[in-house]
Amino acid sequence: MSTIKMTTADFKEKVFNYDTEKEWKYTGNLPAIIDFYADWCGPCKQVAPILEELSKEYEGKLLIYKVDTEAELELSSVFGIQSIPTFLFIPVEGNPMLQPGAFPKNIFKQVIEERLLAKPKEENA
């Protein structure tokens, strides 16, 4: 699966409807990453192929959405996006984490494994 373009309406339907809800409650059933980007942004272009690789590598375990900040001004404003790329890491349970900056693949994988897919630690027998 490739990364998925997301509109403000898609966000309200698939992630969180901030018009009707006050407290954060993710409506999806898989962890997600939302990439806030712009077509003219150099670092955004550098990260794009990494996100495509990760979307294939974690298919069925994780969703990766892309939000064009120039087309989706309302959504960008809701999250106070001031620099791009900025990533919203959304676990199935708990609060999302907003992080600006372009990261190498190993950092994305670390966040995915430790924050989005981590299972409760079990004691070794």
PDB file of N, CA and C in Angstrom:
ATOM      1  N   MET A   1       0.845  -1.184   0.000  1.00  0.00           N
ATOM      2  CA  MET A   1       0.000   0.000   0.000  1.00  0.00           C
ATOM      3  C   MET A   1       0.887   1.243   0.000  1.00  0.00           C
ATOM      4  N   SER A   2       0.471   2.248  -0.713  1.00  0.00           N
ATOM      5  CA  SER A   2       1.214   3.492  -0.759  1.00  0.00           C
ATOM      6  C   SER A   2       0.700   4.456   0.295  1.00  0.00           C
ATOM      7  N   THR A   3       1.391   5.589   0.407  1.00  0.00           N
ATOM      8  CA  THR A   3       0.893   6.631   1.292  1.00  0.00           C
ATOM      9  C   THR A   3      -0.443   7.132   0.746  1.00  0.00           C
ATOM     10  N   ILE A   4      -1.269   7.685   1.631  1.00  0.00           N
ATOM     11  CA  ILE A   4      -2.642   8.054   1.271  1.00  0.00           C
ATOM     12  C   ILE A   4      -2.827   9.558   1.406  1.00  0.00           C
ATOM     13  N   LYS A   5      -3.244  10.204   0.307  1.00  0.00           N
ATOM     14  CA  LYS A   5      -3.554  11.640   0.370  1.00  0.00           C
ATOM     15  C   LYS A   5      -4.750  11.846   1.285  1.00  0.00           C
ATOM     16  N   MET A   6      -4.674  12.874   2.134  1.00  0.00           N
ATOM     17  CA  MET A   6      -5.743  13.118   3.092  1.00  0.00           C
ATOM     18  C   MET A   6      -6.209  14.565   3.023  1.00  0.00           C
ATOM     19  N   THR A   7      -7.537  14.726   3.006  1.00  0.00           N
ATOM     20  CA  THR A   7      -8.133  16.058   3.054  1.00  0.00           C
ATOM     21  C   THR A   7      -8.609  16.321   4.490  1.00  0.00           C
ATOM     22  N   THR A   8      -9.023  17.534   4.748  1.00  0.00           N
ATOM     23  CA  THR A   8      -9.577  17.867   6.064  1.00  0.00           C
ATOM     24  C   THR A   8     -10.800  16.997   6.353  1.00  0.00           C
ATOM     25  N   ALA A   9     -11.661  16.813   5.350  1.00  0.00           N
ATOM     26  CA  ALA A   9     -12.858  15.971   5.530  1.00  0.00           C
ATOM     27  C   ALA A   9     -12.457  14.532   5.855  1.00  0.00           C
ATOM     28  N   ASP A  10     -11.429  14.006   5.170  1.00  0.00           N
ATOM     29  CA  ASP A  10     -10.937  12.651   5.449  1.00  0.00           C
ATOM     30  C   ASP A  10     -10.451  12.554   6.895  1.00  0.00           C
ATOM     31  N   PHE A  11      -9.727  13.583   7.329  1.00  0.00           N
ATOM     32  CA  PHE A  11      -9.189  13.591   8.691  1.00  0.00           C
ATOM     33  C   PHE A  11     -10.318  13.497   9.710  1.00  0.00           C
ATOM     34  N   LYS A  12     -11.342  14.306   9.510  1.00  0.00           N
ATOM     35  CA  LYS A  12     -12.471  14.314  10.452  1.00  0.00           C
ATOM     36  C   LYS A  12     -13.185  12.961  10.476  1.00  0.00           C
ATOM     37  N   GLU A  13     -13.229  12.289   9.332  1.00  0.00           N
ATOM     38  CA  GLU A  13     -13.911  10.997   9.245  1.00  0.00           C
ATOM     39  C   GLU A  13     -13.049   9.843   9.765  1.00  0.00           C
ATOM     40  N   LYS A  14     -11.761   9.829   9.413  1.00  0.00           N
ATOM     41  CA  LYS A  14     -10.918   8.660   9.688  1.00  0.00           C
ATOM     42  C   LYS A  14     -10.023   8.792  10.911  1.00  0.00           C
ATOM     43  N   VAL A  15      -9.800  10.030  11.378  1.00  0.00           N
ATOM     44  CA  VAL A  15      -8.846  10.215  12.463  1.00  0.00           C
ATOM     45  C   VAL A  15      -9.514  10.817  13.696  1.00  0.00           C
ATOM     46  N   PHE A  16     -10.010  12.046  13.565  1.00  0.00           N
ATOM     47  CA  PHE A  16     -10.595  12.741  14.713  1.00  0.00           C
ATOM     48  C   PHE A  16     -11.425  13.918  14.218  1.00  0.00           C
ATOM     49  N   ASN A  17     -12.679  13.979  14.666  1.00  0.00           N
ATOM     50  CA  ASN A  17     -13.540  15.089  14.270  1.00  0.00           C
ATOM     51  C   ASN A  17     -13.493  16.169  15.357  1.00  0.00           C
ATOM     52  N   TYR A  18     -12.630  17.144  15.142  1.00  0.00           N
ATOM     53  CA  TYR A  18     -12.447  18.210  16.130  1.00  0.00           C
ATOM     54  C   TYR A  18     -13.617  19.189  16.162  1.00  0.00           C
ATOM     55  N   ASP A  19     -14.556  19.078  15.211  1.00  0.00           N
ATOM     56  CA  ASP A  19     -15.757  19.925  15.242  1.00  0.00           C
ATOM     57  C   ASP A  19     -16.755  19.430  16.291  1.00  0.00           C
ATOM     58  N   THR A  20     -16.801  18.113  16.499  1.00  0.00           N
ATOM     59  CA  THR A  20     -17.805  17.544  17.414  1.00  0.00           C
ATOM     60  C   THR A  20     -17.220  17.030  18.717  1.00  0.00           C
ATOM     61  N   GLU A  21     -15.914  16.761  18.761  1.00  0.00           N
ATOM     62  CA  GLU A  21     -15.278  16.189  19.956  1.00  0.00           C
ATOM     63  C   GLU A  21     -14.325  17.194  20.591  1.00  0.00           C
ATOM     64  N   LYS A  22     -14.293  17.189  21.911  1.00  0.00           N
ATOM     65  CA  LYS A  22     -13.364  18.067  22.638  1.00  0.00           C
ATOM     66  C   LYS A  22     -12.083  17.305  23.003  1.00  0.00           C
ATOM     67  N   GLU A  23     -12.250  16.092  23.529  1.00  0.00           N
ATOM     68  CA  GLU A  23     -11.108  15.276  23.949  1.00  0.00           C
ATOM     69  C   GLU A  23     -10.624  14.420  22.788  1.00  0.00           C
ATOM     70  N   TRP A  24      -9.299  14.311  22.626  1.00  0.00           N
ATOM     71  CA  TRP A  24      -8.722  13.501  21.559  1.00  0.00           C
ATOM     72  C   TRP A  24      -9.173  12.055  21.687  1.00  0.00           C
ATOM     73  N   LYS A  25      -9.699  11.514  20.588  1.00  0.00           N
ATOM     74  CA  LYS A  25     -10.056  10.096  20.516  1.00  0.00           C
ATOM     75  C   LYS A  25      -9.869   9.676  19.066  1.00  0.00           C
ATOM     76  N   TYR A  26      -8.820   8.915  18.828  1.00  0.00           N
ATOM     77  CA  TYR A  26      -8.515   8.439  17.482  1.00  0.00           C
ATOM     78  C   TYR A  26      -9.591   7.445  17.057  1.00  0.00           C
ATOM     79  N   THR A  27     -10.161   7.644  15.855  1.00  0.00           N
ATOM     80  CA  THR A  27     -11.238   6.769  15.382  1.00  0.00           C
ATOM     81  C   THR A  27     -10.738   5.623  14.499  1.00  0.00           C
ATOM     82  N   GLY A  28      -9.447   5.624  14.178  1.00  0.00           N
ATOM     83  CA  GLY A  28      -8.903   4.551  13.346  1.00  0.00           C
ATOM     84  C   GLY A  28      -8.593   3.305  14.166  1.00  0.00           C
ATOM     85  N   ASN A  29      -8.308   2.200  13.469  1.00  0.00           N
ATOM     86  CA  ASN A  29      -7.972   0.967  14.182  1.00  0.00           C
ATOM     87  C   ASN A  29      -6.531   0.532  13.951  1.00  0.00           C
ATOM     88  N   LEU A  30      -5.772   1.294  13.162  1.00  0.00           N
ATOM     89  CA  LEU A  30      -4.339   1.053  12.977  1.00  0.00           C
ATOM     90  C   LEU A  30      -3.605   2.337  13.345  1.00  0.00           C
ATOM     91  N   PRO A  31      -2.405   2.230  13.924  1.00  0.00           N
ATOM     92  CA  PRO A  31      -1.635   3.441  14.176  1.00  0.00           C
ATOM     93  C   PRO A  31      -1.405   4.173  12.847  1.00  0.00           C
ATOM     94  N   ALA A  32      -1.149   5.469  12.938  1.00  0.00           N
ATOM     95  CA  ALA A  32      -0.991   6.261  11.716  1.00  0.00           C
ATOM     96  C   ALA A  32       0.093   7.313  11.868  1.00  0.00           C
ATOM     97  N   ILE A  33       0.638   7.697  10.723  1.00  0.00           N
ATOM     98  CA  ILE A  33       1.535   8.852  10.640  1.00  0.00           C
ATOM     99  C   ILE A  33       0.908   9.790   9.624  1.00  0.00           C
ATOM    100  N   ILE A  34       0.819  11.058   9.971  1.00  0.00           N
ATOM    101  CA  ILE A  34       0.345  12.056   9.010  1.00  0.00           C
ATOM    102  C   ILE A  34       1.513  12.975   8.686  1.00  0.00           C
ATOM    103  N   ASP A  35       1.826  13.065   7.416  1.00  0.00           N
ATOM    104  CA  ASP A  35       2.904  13.906   6.900  1.00  0.00           C
ATOM    105  C   ASP A  35       2.297  15.211   6.400  1.00  0.00           C
ATOM    106  N   PHE A  36       2.569  16.310   7.089  1.00  0.00           N
ATOM    107  CA  PHE A  36       2.155  17.636   6.620  1.00  0.00           C
ATOM    108  C   PHE A  36       3.288  18.154   5.744  1.00  0.00           C
ATOM    109  N   TYR A  37       2.998  18.362   4.450  1.00  0.00           N
ATOM    110  CA  TYR A  37       4.036  18.695   3.477  1.00  0.00           C
ATOM    111  C   TYR A  37       3.546  19.762   2.504  1.00  0.00           C
ATOM    112  N   ALA A  38       4.452  20.201   1.631  1.00  0.00           N
ATOM    113  CA  ALA A  38       4.098  21.047   0.492  1.00  0.00           C
ATOM    114  C   ALA A  38       4.929  20.588  -0.702  1.00  0.00           C
ATOM    115  N   ASP A  39       4.383  20.745  -1.904  1.00  0.00           N
ATOM    116  CA  ASP A  39       5.069  20.275  -3.113  1.00  0.00           C
ATOM    117  C   ASP A  39       6.411  20.969  -3.352  1.00  0.00           C
ATOM    118  N   TRP A  40       6.543  22.228  -2.921  1.00  0.00           N
ATOM    119  CA  TRP A  40       7.769  22.994  -3.165  1.00  0.00           C
ATOM    120  C   TRP A  40       8.853  22.744  -2.119  1.00  0.00           C
ATOM    121  N   CYS A  41       8.545  21.988  -1.086  1.00  0.00           N
ATOM    122  CA  CYS A  41       9.438  21.801   0.063  1.00  0.00           C
ATOM    123  C   CYS A  41      10.500  20.737  -0.223  1.00  0.00           C
ATOM    124  N   GLY A  42      11.774  21.139  -0.234  1.00  0.00           N
ATOM    125  CA  GLY A  42      12.885  20.224  -0.497  1.00  0.00           C
ATOM    126  C   GLY A  42      12.968  19.070   0.493  1.00  0.00           C
ATOM    127  N   PRO A  43      13.011  19.362   1.813  1.00  0.00           N
ATOM    128  CA  PRO A  43      13.066  18.262   2.781  1.00  0.00           C
ATOM    129  C   PRO A  43      11.860  17.322   2.681  1.00  0.00           C
ATOM    130  N   CYS A  44      10.689  17.864   2.321  1.00  0.00           N
ATOM    131  CA  CYS A  44       9.495  17.016   2.151  1.00  0.00           C
ATOM    132  C   CYS A  44       9.726  16.014   1.023  1.00  0.00           C
ATOM    133  N   LYS A  45      10.355  16.485  -0.061  1.00  0.00           N
ATOM    134  CA  LYS A  45      10.635  15.597  -1.202  1.00  0.00           C
ATOM    135  C   LYS A  45      11.651  14.527  -0.830  1.00  0.00           C
ATOM    136  N   GLN A  46      12.595  14.870   0.069  1.00  0.00           N
ATOM    137  CA  GLN A  46      13.598  13.890   0.491  1.00  0.00           C
ATOM    138  C   GLN A  46      12.964  12.776   1.323  1.00  0.00           C
ATOM    139  N   VAL A  47      11.971  13.132   2.133  1.00  0.00           N
ATOM    140  CA  VAL A  47      11.331  12.172   3.028  1.00  0.00           C
ATOM    141  C   VAL A  47      10.290  11.312   2.305  1.00  0.00           C
ATOM    142  N   ALA A  48       9.709  11.831   1.240  1.00  0.00           N
ATOM    143  CA  ALA A  48       8.618  11.133   0.537  1.00  0.00           C
ATOM    144  C   ALA A  48       8.951   9.682   0.176  1.00  0.00           C
ATOM    145  N   PRO A  49      10.118   9.392  -0.442  1.00  0.00           N
ATOM    146  CA  PRO A  49      10.394   7.983  -0.779  1.00  0.00           C
ATOM    147  C   PRO A  49      10.550   7.096   0.462  1.00  0.00           C
ATOM    148  N   ILE A  50      11.050   7.663   1.561  1.00  0.00           N
ATOM    149  CA  ILE A  50      11.178   6.901   2.808  1.00  0.00           C
ATOM    150  C   ILE A  50       9.788   6.502   3.299  1.00  0.00           C
ATOM    151  N   LEU A  51       8.850   7.442   3.245  1.00  0.00           N
ATOM    152  CA  LEU A  51       7.482   7.150   3.691  1.00  0.00           C
ATOM    153  C   LEU A  51       6.829   6.099   2.802  1.00  0.00           C
ATOM    154  N   GLU A  52       7.107   6.148   1.503  1.00  0.00           N
ATOM    155  CA  GLU A  52       6.567   5.130   0.590  1.00  0.00           C
ATOM    156  C   GLU A  52       7.117   3.748   0.968  1.00  0.00           C
ATOM    157  N   GLU A  53       8.419   3.673   1.249  1.00  0.00           N
ATOM    158  CA  GLU A  53       9.029   2.397   1.656  1.00  0.00           C
ATOM    159  C   GLU A  53       8.389   1.886   2.950  1.00  0.00           C
ATOM    160  N   LEU A  54       8.233   2.794   3.912  1.00  0.00           N
ATOM    161  CA  LEU A  54       7.664   2.403   5.200  1.00  0.00           C
ATOM    162  C   LEU A  54       6.211   1.952   5.061  1.00  0.00           C
ATOM    163  N   SER A  55       5.464   2.594   4.157  1.00  0.00           N
ATOM    164  CA  SER A  55       4.056   2.209   3.987  1.00  0.00           C
ATOM    165  C   SER A  55       3.948   0.783   3.444  1.00  0.00           C
ATOM    166  N   LYS A  56       4.911   0.379   2.615  1.00  0.00           N
ATOM    167  CA  LYS A  56       4.923  -0.994   2.103  1.00  0.00           C
ATOM    168  C   LYS A  56       5.430  -1.958   3.179  1.00  0.00           C
ATOM    169  N   GLU A  57       6.482  -1.549   3.887  1.00  0.00           N
ATOM    170  CA  GLU A  57       7.088  -2.395   4.914  1.00  0.00           C
ATOM    171  C   GLU A  57       6.113  -2.696   6.056  1.00  0.00           C
ATOM    172  N   TYR A  58       5.298  -1.710   6.421  1.00  0.00           N
ATOM    173  CA  TYR A  58       4.368  -1.867   7.545  1.00  0.00           C
ATOM    174  C   TYR A  58       2.918  -2.022   7.085  1.00  0.00           C
ATOM    175  N   GLU A  59       2.734  -2.484   5.853  1.00  0.00           N
ATOM    176  CA  GLU A  59       1.378  -2.665   5.319  1.00  0.00           C
ATOM    177  C   GLU A  59       0.565  -3.576   6.238  1.00  0.00           C
ATOM    178  N   GLY A  60      -0.660  -3.136   6.545  1.00  0.00           N
ATOM    179  CA  GLY A  60      -1.525  -3.902   7.422  1.00  0.00           C
ATOM    180  C   GLY A  60      -1.300  -3.628   8.901  1.00  0.00           C
ATOM    181  N   LYS A  61      -0.224  -2.885   9.227  1.00  0.00           N
ATOM    182  CA  LYS A  61       0.091  -2.579  10.621  1.00  0.00           C
ATOM    183  C   LYS A  61       0.036  -1.078  10.907  1.00  0.00           C
ATOM    184  N   LEU A  62       0.144  -0.266   9.839  1.00  0.00           N
ATOM    185  CA  LEU A  62       0.309   1.173  10.000  1.00  0.00           C
ATOM    186  C   LEU A  62      -0.213   1.884   8.754  1.00  0.00           C
ATOM    187  N   LEU A  63      -0.842   3.044   8.948  1.00  0.00           N
ATOM    188  CA  LEU A  63      -1.278   3.859   7.819  1.00  0.00           C
ATOM    189  C   LEU A  63      -0.419   5.118   7.758  1.00  0.00           C
ATOM    190  N   ILE A  64      -0.059   5.528   6.558  1.00  0.00           N
ATOM    191  CA  ILE A  64       0.697   6.770   6.394  1.00  0.00           C
ATOM    192  C   ILE A  64      -0.087   7.682   5.461  1.00  0.00           C
ATOM    193  N   TYR A  65      -0.504   8.813   6.012  1.00  0.00           N
ATOM    194  CA  TYR A  65      -1.277   9.801   5.274  1.00  0.00           C
ATOM    195  C   TYR A  65      -0.403  11.003   4.933  1.00  0.00           C
ATOM    196  N   LYS A  66      -0.751  11.678   3.837  1.00  0.00           N
ATOM    197  CA  LYS A  66      -0.060  12.903   3.438  1.00  0.00           C
ATOM    198  C   LYS A  66      -1.078  14.031   3.325  1.00  0.00           C
ATOM    199  N   VAL A  67      -0.783  15.157   3.986  1.00  0.00           N
ATOM    200  CA  VAL A  67      -1.656  16.328   3.950  1.00  0.00           C
ATOM    201  C   VAL A  67      -0.891  17.474   3.303  1.00  0.00           C
ATOM    202  N   ASP A  68      -1.405  17.951   2.173  1.00  0.00           N
ATOM    203  CA  ASP A  68      -0.822  19.097   1.482  1.00  0.00           C
ATOM    204  C   ASP A  68      -1.220  20.360   2.243  1.00  0.00           C
ATOM    205  N   THR A  69      -0.256  20.977   2.907  1.00  0.00           N
ATOM    206  CA  THR A  69      -0.553  22.126   3.767  1.00  0.00           C
ATOM    207  C   THR A  69      -1.107  23.323   2.988  1.00  0.00           C
ATOM    208  N   GLU A  70      -0.794  23.395   1.708  1.00  0.00           N
ATOM    209  CA  GLU A  70      -1.296  24.523   0.912  1.00  0.00           C
ATOM    210  C   GLU A  70      -2.740  24.303   0.483  1.00  0.00           C
ATOM    211  N   ALA A  71      -3.151  23.047   0.349  1.00  0.00           N
ATOM    212  CA  ALA A  71      -4.533  22.748  -0.038  1.00  0.00           C
ATOM    213  C   ALA A  71      -5.433  22.613   1.189  1.00  0.00           C
ATOM    214  N   GLU A  72      -4.875  22.178   2.295  1.00  0.00           N
ATOM    215  CA  GLU A  72      -5.658  21.906   3.511  1.00  0.00           C
ATOM    216  C   GLU A  72      -5.286  22.904   4.614  1.00  0.00           C
ATOM    217  N   LEU A  73      -5.612  24.168   4.372  1.00  0.00           N
ATOM    218  CA  LEU A  73      -5.243  25.237   5.300  1.00  0.00           C
ATOM    219  C   LEU A  73      -5.906  25.071   6.670  1.00  0.00           C
ATOM    220  N   GLU A  74      -7.166  24.646   6.694  1.00  0.00           N
ATOM    221  CA  GLU A  74      -7.871  24.477   7.972  1.00  0.00           C
ATOM    222  C   GLU A  74      -7.168  23.452   8.852  1.00  0.00           C
ATOM    223  N   LEU A  75      -6.866  22.300   8.280  1.00  0.00           N
ATOM    224  CA  LEU A  75      -6.229  21.231   9.045  1.00  0.00           C
ATOM    225  C   LEU A  75      -4.833  21.657   9.511  1.00  0.00           C
ATOM    226  N   SER A  76      -4.089  22.315   8.663  1.00  0.00           N
ATOM    227  CA  SER A  76      -2.759  22.813   9.032  1.00  0.00           C
ATOM    228  C   SER A  76      -2.864  23.803  10.182  1.00  0.00           C
ATOM    229  N   SER A  77      -3.881  24.638  10.143  1.00  0.00           N
ATOM    230  CA  SER A  77      -4.100  25.631  11.184  1.00  0.00           C
ATOM    231  C   SER A  77      -4.484  24.979  12.513  1.00  0.00           C
ATOM    232  N   VAL A  78      -5.333  23.956  12.465  1.00  0.00           N
ATOM    233  CA  VAL A  78      -5.765  23.256  13.677  1.00  0.00           C
ATOM    234  C   VAL A  78      -4.551  22.714  14.442  1.00  0.00           C
ATOM    235  N   PHE A  79      -3.548  22.214  13.719  1.00  0.00           N
ATOM    236  CA  PHE A  79      -2.362  21.653  14.355  1.00  0.00           C
ATOM    237  C   PHE A  79      -1.220  22.656  14.489  1.00  0.00           C
ATOM    238  N   GLY A  80      -1.471  23.903  14.067  1.00  0.00           N
ATOM    239  CA  GLY A  80      -0.450  24.938  14.210  1.00  0.00           C
ATOM    240  C   GLY A  80       0.820  24.632  13.441  1.00  0.00           C
ATOM    241  N   ILE A  81       0.665  24.076  12.255  1.00  0.00           N
ATOM    242  CA  ILE A  81       1.836  23.716  11.453  1.00  0.00           C
ATOM    243  C   ILE A  81       2.544  24.994  11.009  1.00  0.00           C
ATOM    244  N   GLN A  82       3.799  25.145  11.434  1.00  0.00           N
ATOM    245  CA  GLN A  82       4.566  26.332  11.069  1.00  0.00           C
ATOM    246  C   GLN A  82       5.786  25.997  10.229  1.00  0.00           C
ATOM    247  N   SER A  83       6.262  24.766  10.328  1.00  0.00           N
ATOM    248  CA  SER A  83       7.376  24.353   9.485  1.00  0.00           C
ATOM    249  C   SER A  83       7.038  22.987   8.904  1.00  0.00           C
ATOM    250  N   ILE A  84       7.551  22.756   7.715  1.00  0.00           N
ATOM    251  CA  ILE A  84       7.285  21.481   7.061  1.00  0.00           C
ATOM    252  C   ILE A  84       8.612  20.865   6.636  1.00  0.00           C
ATOM    253  N   PRO A  85       8.691  19.560   6.602  1.00  0.00           N
ATOM    254  CA  PRO A  85       7.627  18.643   6.982  1.00  0.00           C
ATOM    255  C   PRO A  85       7.424  18.606   8.501  1.00  0.00           C
ATOM    256  N   THR A  86       6.193  18.335   8.899  1.00  0.00           N
ATOM    257  CA  THR A  86       5.851  18.051  10.294  1.00  0.00           C
ATOM    258  C   THR A  86       5.045  16.766  10.280  1.00  0.00           C
ATOM    259  N   PHE A  87       5.320  15.911  11.243  1.00  0.00           N
ATOM    260  CA  PHE A  87       4.669  14.602  11.300  1.00  0.00           C
ATOM    261  C   PHE A  87       3.835  14.473  12.560  1.00  0.00           C
ATOM    262  N   LEU A  88       2.640  13.922  12.384  1.00  0.00           N
ATOM    263  CA  LEU A  88       1.765  13.612  13.504  1.00  0.00           C
ATOM    264  C   LEU A  88       1.774  12.094  13.644  1.00  0.00           C
ATOM    265  N   PHE A  89       2.353  11.599  14.745  1.00  0.00           N
ATOM    266  CA  PHE A  89       2.415  10.166  15.014  1.00  0.00           C
ATOM    267  C   PHE A  89       1.236   9.823  15.907  1.00  0.00           C
ATOM    268  N   ILE A  90       0.362   8.946  15.431  1.00  0.00           N
ATOM    269  CA  ILE A  90      -0.884   8.644  16.134  1.00  0.00           C
ATOM    270  C   ILE A  90      -0.937   7.173  16.550  1.00  0.00           C
ATOM    271  N   PRO A  91      -0.784   6.896  17.855  1.00  0.00           N
ATOM    272  CA  PRO A  91      -0.971   5.520  18.309  1.00  0.00           C
ATOM    273  C   PRO A  91      -2.466   5.208  18.357  1.00  0.00           C
ATOM    274  N   VAL A  92      -2.829   3.932  18.388  1.00  0.00           N
ATOM    275  CA  VAL A  92      -4.242   3.556  18.459  1.00  0.00           C
ATOM    276  C   VAL A  92      -4.839   4.067  19.766  1.00  0.00           C
ATOM    277  N   GLU A  93      -4.079   3.974  20.847  1.00  0.00           N
ATOM    278  CA  GLU A  93      -4.535   4.491  22.138  1.00  0.00           C
ATOM    279  C   GLU A  93      -3.522   5.506  22.638  1.00  0.00           C
ATOM    280  N   GLY A  94      -4.017   6.545  23.300  1.00  0.00           N
ATOM    281  CA  GLY A  94      -3.116   7.564  23.820  1.00  0.00           C
ATOM    282  C   GLY A  94      -3.086   8.777  22.916  1.00  0.00           C
ATOM    283  N   ASN A  95      -2.297   9.757  23.330  1.00  0.00           N
ATOM    284  CA  ASN A  95      -2.249  11.013  22.599  1.00  0.00           C
ATOM    285  C   ASN A  95      -1.256  10.978  21.449  1.00  0.00           C
ATOM    286  N   PRO A  96      -1.555  11.744  20.392  1.00  0.00           N
ATOM    287  CA  PRO A  96      -0.635  11.821  19.266  1.00  0.00           C
ATOM    288  C   PRO A  96       0.595  12.648  19.634  1.00  0.00           C
ATOM    289  N   MET A  97       1.626  12.514  18.828  1.00  0.00           N
ATOM    290  CA  MET A  97       2.870  13.243  19.033  1.00  0.00           C
ATOM    291  C   MET A  97       3.179  14.017  17.747  1.00  0.00           C
ATOM    292  N   LEU A  98       3.305  15.337  17.851  1.00  0.00           N
ATOM    293  CA  LEU A  98       3.599  16.189  16.698  1.00  0.00           C
ATOM    294  C   LEU A  98       5.091  16.488  16.687  1.00  0.00           C
ATOM    295  N   GLN A  99       5.745  16.224  15.555  1.00  0.00           N
ATOM    296  CA  GLN A  99       7.185  16.392  15.485  1.00  0.00           C
ATOM    297  C   GLN A  99       7.589  17.021  14.153  1.00  0.00           C
ATOM    298  N   PRO A 100       8.128  18.259  14.174  1.00  0.00           N
ATOM    299  CA  PRO A 100       8.605  18.863  12.929  1.00  0.00           C
ATOM    300  C   PRO A 100       9.975  18.313  12.539  1.00  0.00           C
ATOM    301  N   GLY A 101      10.288  18.372  11.249  1.00  0.00           N
ATOM    302  CA  GLY A 101      11.605  17.993  10.765  1.00  0.00           C
ATOM    303  C   GLY A 101      11.594  16.787   9.858  1.00  0.00           C
ATOM    304  N   ALA A 102      12.616  16.715   8.997  1.00  0.00           N
ATOM    305  CA  ALA A 102      12.792  15.566   8.111  1.00  0.00           C
ATOM    306  C   ALA A 102      13.714  14.584   8.830  1.00  0.00           C
ATOM    307  N   PHE A 103      13.311  13.313   8.869  1.00  0.00           N
ATOM    308  CA  PHE A 103      14.079  12.307   9.595  1.00  0.00           C
ATOM    309  C   PHE A 103      14.590  11.234   8.650  1.00  0.00           C
ATOM    310  N   PRO A 104      15.717  10.610   8.997  1.00  0.00           N
ATOM    311  CA  PRO A 104      16.157   9.444   8.230  1.00  0.00           C
ATOM    312  C   PRO A 104      15.257   8.250   8.558  1.00  0.00           C
ATOM    313  N   LYS A 105      15.310   7.247   7.710  1.00  0.00           N
ATOM    314  CA  LYS A 105      14.439   6.083   7.843  1.00  0.00           C
ATOM    315  C   LYS A 105      14.578   5.418   9.212  1.00  0.00           C
ATOM    316  N   ASN A 106      15.798   5.316   9.745  1.00  0.00           N
ATOM    317  CA  ASN A 106      15.982   4.621  11.019  1.00  0.00           C
ATOM    318  C   ASN A 106      15.260   5.331  12.163  1.00  0.00           C
ATOM    319  N   ILE A 107      15.134   6.645  12.109  1.00  0.00           N
ATOM    320  CA  ILE A 107      14.417   7.378  13.155  1.00  0.00           C
ATOM    321  C   ILE A 107      12.916   7.103  13.042  1.00  0.00           C
ATOM    322  N   PHE A 108      12.387   7.133  11.807  1.00  0.00           N
ATOM    323  CA  PHE A 108      10.973   6.781  11.611  1.00  0.00           C
ATOM    324  C   PHE A 108      10.700   5.380  12.156  1.00  0.00           C
ATOM    325  N   LYS A 109      11.582   4.423  11.821  1.00  0.00           N
ATOM    326  CA  LYS A 109      11.380   3.039  12.266  1.00  0.00           C
ATOM    327  C   LYS A 109      11.407   2.956  13.792  1.00  0.00           C
ATOM    328  N   GLN A 110      12.305   3.702  14.419  1.00  0.00           N
ATOM    329  CA  GLN A 110      12.396   3.700  15.879  1.00  0.00           C
ATOM    330  C   GLN A 110      11.095   4.212  16.496  1.00  0.00           C
ATOM    331  N   VAL A 111      10.565   5.313  15.972  1.00  0.00           N
ATOM    332  CA  VAL A 111       9.307   5.862  16.500  1.00  0.00           C
ATOM    333  C   VAL A 111       8.164   4.883  16.247  1.00  0.00           C
ATOM    334  N   ILE A 112       8.122   4.307  15.047  1.00  0.00           N
ATOM    335  CA  ILE A 112       7.064   3.336  14.719  1.00  0.00           C
ATOM    336  C   ILE A 112       7.112   2.155  15.683  1.00  0.00           C
ATOM    337  N   GLU A 113       8.292   1.592  15.872  1.00  0.00           N
ATOM    338  CA  GLU A 113       8.424   0.401  16.719  1.00  0.00           C
ATOM    339  C   GLU A 113       8.193   0.712  18.198  1.00  0.00           C
ATOM    340  N   GLU A 114       8.732   1.840  18.677  1.00  0.00           N
ATOM    341  CA  GLU A 114       8.674   2.133  20.116  1.00  0.00           C
ATOM    342  C   GLU A 114       7.397   2.851  20.539  1.00  0.00           C
ATOM    343  N   ARG A 115       6.822   3.665  19.650  1.00  0.00           N
ATOM    344  CA  ARG A 115       5.673   4.479  20.046  1.00  0.00           C
ATOM    345  C   ARG A 115       4.347   4.018  19.441  1.00  0.00           C
ATOM    346  N   LEU A 116       4.391   3.474  18.228  1.00  0.00           N
ATOM    347  CA  LEU A 116       3.151   3.146  17.536  1.00  0.00           C
ATOM    348  C   LEU A 116       2.800   1.662  17.582  1.00  0.00           C
ATOM    349  N   LEU A 117       3.797   0.794  17.518  1.00  0.00           N
ATOM    350  CA  LEU A 117       3.521  -0.646  17.459  1.00  0.00           C
ATOM    351  C   LEU A 117       3.926  -1.382  18.726  1.00  0.00           C
ATOM    352  N   ALA A 118       4.504  -0.681  19.671  1.00  0.00           N
ATOM    353  CA  ALA A 118       5.049  -1.350  20.864  1.00  0.00           C
ATOM    354  C   ALA A 118       3.964  -2.071  21.650  1.00  0.00           C
ATOM    355  N   LYS A 119       4.267  -3.277  22.013  1.00  0.00           N
ATOM    356  CA  LYS A 119       3.391  -4.060  22.877  1.00  0.00           C
ATOM    357  C   LYS A 119       3.915  -3.879  24.307  1.00  0.00           C
ATOM    358  N   PRO A 120       3.089  -4.104  25.300  1.00  0.00           N
ATOM    359  CA  PRO A 120       3.589  -4.041  26.675  1.00  0.00           C
ATOM    360  C   PRO A 120       4.766  -5.002  26.832  1.00  0.00           C
ATOM    361  N   LYS A 121       5.793  -4.538  27.507  1.00  0.00           N
ATOM    362  CA  LYS A 121       6.992  -5.366  27.676  1.00  0.00           C
ATOM    363  C   LYS A 121       6.687  -6.562  28.556  1.00  0.00           C
ATOM    364  N   GLU A 122       7.225  -7.735  28.152  1.00  0.00           N
ATOM    365  CA  GLU A 122       7.029  -8.953  28.929  1.00  0.00           C
ATOM    366  C   GLU A 122       8.364  -9.340  29.562  1.00  0.00           C
ATOM    367  N   GLU A 123       8.286  -9.896  30.734  1.00  0.00           N
ATOM    368  CA  GLU A 123       9.503 -10.364  31.401  1.00  0.00           C
ATOM    369  C   GLU A 123      10.021 -11.592  30.674  1.00  0.00           C
ATOM    370  N   ASN A 124      11.341 -11.664  30.538  1.00  0.00           N
ATOM    371  CA  ASN A 124      11.935 -12.880  29.949  1.00  0.00           C
ATOM    372  C   ASN A 124      11.949 -13.979  30.999  1.00  0.00           C
ATOM    373  N   ALA A 125      11.573 -15.203  30.608  1.00  0.00           N
ATOM    374  CA  ALA A 125      11.502 -16.298  31.587  1.00  0.00           C
ATOM    375  C   ALA A 125      12.871 -16.866  31.843  1.00  0.00           C
TER     376      ALA A 125
END
